[in-house]
Amino acid sequence: MNKKMVSLTFFLLFCIGNMFASNNITFTLDITGINVNDGKIYVKIYSNERDYKKDIPYTSFILESVSKNITHSFDIPEGEYLIALFQDTNNNGVLDTNFLNFPKEPVGLSNYNGGIPGGFNKQKIPINDISNRITINIGKV
């Protein structure tokens, strides 16, 4: 095989590989209103309503509450997602609620403007090249 043929083969394999690669976006999450050093921040990201209702996040991670405001960037495929988070002030690993199922600990939710949250379709946000950053304030409900 000559050099041109080898180069062409590698180029074609590269192009085919990129066609099947997902379109990942570097997304930045800014969290404000954190109680400093008062429990970890649990973040769950849901990709559809069914998984949100069953509490099966597409991805999740835990952040330390080292500052009143935290910025965290991560890669995620382009799409629509709901981001939910809470600060685990009693360090038991779960969001504690009262008898009416209202959170006892500070919480935050994407696309939330107060009142009773409206579920996945109301709280979801687009994540793409244009919409690649969000600020969520964490607080008591």
Foldseek 3Di string as FASTA:
>chain_A
DDPVVVVVVVVVVVVVVVVPDFAKDWAKEKEAQFDAQQAKKKKFKAQDQVCVVVVNGPDIDIGHRHDRMDMDIDIDGWHKIKMKMWGPRVPPPDFDADPVRATPTWMWIAQDDDDDDDGRVNRIDTDDPVNRYDYIYTGHD
